């Protein structure tokens, strides 16, 4: 698959995250603490991408999504922290999909094992 840089030449993953967090701050009025937590949560996703060798947002398949969710659970995060992380990641994917005109990005993120949150 193409790397993020190949498909989105002017925007790195960090740029996309910053754009999403700015949008939340400006348009949604998110509190500073919420934005800081979302930034940490999205960093978990970036770390997972690096660990798995993923370079493209579309490379997050359903099995990898489940693996990411499992890694959050195994890390000892509380249910509310996992739920917030899921909200941050889903919102990020939705934002990128809308801004890049790629509705296929969100599909893999549907569904969460209820016992994990």
Protein backbone atom coordinates (compact mmCIF):
# COMPACT_ATOMS: atom_id res chain seq x y z
CA UNK A 1 0.00 0.00 0.00
CA UNK A 2 1.04 3.58 -0.50
CA UNK A 3 2.47 5.31 2.51
CA UNK A 4 0.60 8.18 4.09
CA UNK A 5 3.21 10.49 2.62
CA UNK A 6 2.56 9.15 -0.90
CA UNK A 7 -1.20 9.51 -0.68
CA UNK A 8 -1.23 12.70 1.36
CA UNK A 9 1.97 14.42 0.25
CA UNK A 10 1.70 17.53 2.37
CA UNK A 11 0.42 15.95 5.56
CA UNK A 12 2.18 13.55 7.86
CA UNK A 13 0.35 11.53 10.52
CA UNK A 14 1.38 14.22 13.02
CA UNK A 15 -0.03 16.95 10.76
CA UNK A 16 -3.30 15.05 10.45
CA UNK A 17 -3.49 14.61 14.23
CA UNK A 18 -2.74 18.29 14.83
CA UNK A 19 -5.42 19.28 12.32
CA UNK A 20 -7.96 17.03 14.05
CA UNK A 21 -7.12 18.34 17.52
CA UNK A 22 -7.27 21.94 16.31
CA UNK A 23 -10.67 21.29 14.77
CA UNK A 24 -11.87 19.86 18.09
CA UNK A 25 -10.60 22.87 19.98
CA UNK A 26 -11.97 25.49 17.60
CA UNK A 27 -15.24 23.97 16.43
CA UNK A 28 -16.21 21.72 19.32
CA UNK A 29 -14.79 23.74 22.19
CA UNK A 30 -13.05 20.76 23.77
CA UNK A 31 -11.36 21.46 27.07
CA UNK A 32 -7.57 21.53 27.27
CA UNK A 33 -7.53 18.37 29.41
CA UNK A 34 -9.66 16.51 26.86
CA UNK A 35 -7.39 17.60 24.02
CA UNK A 36 -4.30 16.49 25.97
CA UNK A 37 -5.90 13.11 26.65
CA UNK A 38 -6.90 12.71 22.98
CA UNK A 39 -3.33 13.57 21.94
CA UNK A 40 -2.00 10.83 24.25
CA UNK A 41 -4.62 8.41 22.92
CA UNK A 42 -3.73 9.12 19.30
CA UNK A 43 -0.06 8.70 20.21
CA UNK A 44 -0.95 5.16 21.31
CA UNK A 45 -2.29 4.56 17.80
CA UNK A 46 0.86 5.97 16.19
CA UNK A 47 3.02 3.81 18.46
CA UNK A 48 0.95 0.77 17.47
CA UNK A 49 1.38 1.64 13.78
CA UNK A 50 5.14 1.88 14.23
CA UNK A 51 5.29 -1.38 16.19
CA UNK A 52 3.34 -3.18 13.46
CA UNK A 53 5.20 -1.50 10.59
CA UNK A 54 2.04 0.18 9.31
CA UNK A 55 2.53 3.29 7.19
CA UNK A 56 -0.96 3.95 5.88
CA UNK A 57 -4.18 4.75 7.71
CA UNK A 58 -5.97 2.22 5.51
CA UNK A 59 -3.62 -0.54 6.62
CA UNK A 60 -5.47 -0.81 9.94
CA UNK A 61 -7.45 -3.98 9.19
CA UNK A 62 -10.17 -5.46 11.38
CA UNK A 63 -7.75 -8.01 12.94
CA UNK A 64 -5.23 -5.24 13.66
CA UNK A 65 -8.00 -3.06 15.13
CA UNK A 66 -8.89 -5.92 17.48
CA UNK A 67 -5.19 -6.33 18.32
CA UNK A 68 -4.93 -2.59 19.08
CA UNK A 69 -7.97 -2.80 21.35
CA UNK A 70 -6.47 -5.81 23.09
CA UNK A 71 -3.21 -3.94 23.64
CA UNK A 72 -5.12 -1.14 25.35
CA UNK A 73 -6.82 -3.63 27.65
CA UNK A 74 -3.54 -5.43 28.44
CA UNK A 75 -1.83 -2.13 29.26
CA UNK A 76 -4.05 -1.80 32.31
CA UNK A 77 -6.09 1.19 31.15
CA UNK A 78 -9.44 1.65 32.84
CA UNK A 79 -12.62 1.04 30.86
CA UNK A 80 -13.31 4.77 30.69
CA UNK A 81 -9.79 5.46 29.36
CA UNK A 82 -10.20 2.77 26.70
CA UNK A 83 -13.59 4.20 25.72
CA UNK A 84 -12.07 7.69 25.43
CA UNK A 85 -9.20 6.31 23.32
CA UNK A 86 -11.70 4.61 21.01
CA UNK A 87 -13.62 7.88 20.68
CA UNK A 88 -10.41 9.74 19.85
CA UNK A 89 -9.31 7.21 17.22
CA UNK A 90 -12.76 6.93 15.63
CA UNK A 91 -13.11 10.71 15.54
CA UNK A 92 -9.65 11.03 14.02
CA UNK A 93 -10.43 8.51 11.28
CA UNK A 94 -13.80 10.15 10.61
CA UNK A 95 -12.15 13.56 10.36
CA UNK A 96 -9.42 12.35 7.98
CA UNK A 97 -11.98 10.46 5.88
CA UNK A 98 -14.13 13.59 5.55
CA UNK A 99 -11.24 15.95 4.86
CA UNK A 100 -9.62 13.59 2.32
CA UNK A 101 -12.84 12.38 0.71
CA UNK A 102 -12.16 8.76 1.65
CA UNK A 103 -15.20 7.23 3.34
CA UNK A 104 -13.54 3.79 3.34
CA UNK A 105 -11.26 4.75 6.22
CA UNK A 106 -13.94 4.43 8.89
CA UNK A 107 -15.27 0.96 8.07
CA UNK A 108 -12.73 -1.09 9.98
CA UNK A 109 -13.40 0.82 13.21
CA UNK A 110 -17.00 -0.27 13.52
CA UNK A 111 -17.74 -2.56 16.40
CA UNK A 112 -15.99 -2.95 19.71
CA UNK A 113 -16.11 -6.00 21.91
CA UNK A 114 -18.39 -4.79 24.73
CA UNK A 115 -16.41 -6.60 27.41
CA UNK A 116 -13.40 -4.36 26.65
CA UNK A 117 -15.04 -1.04 27.44
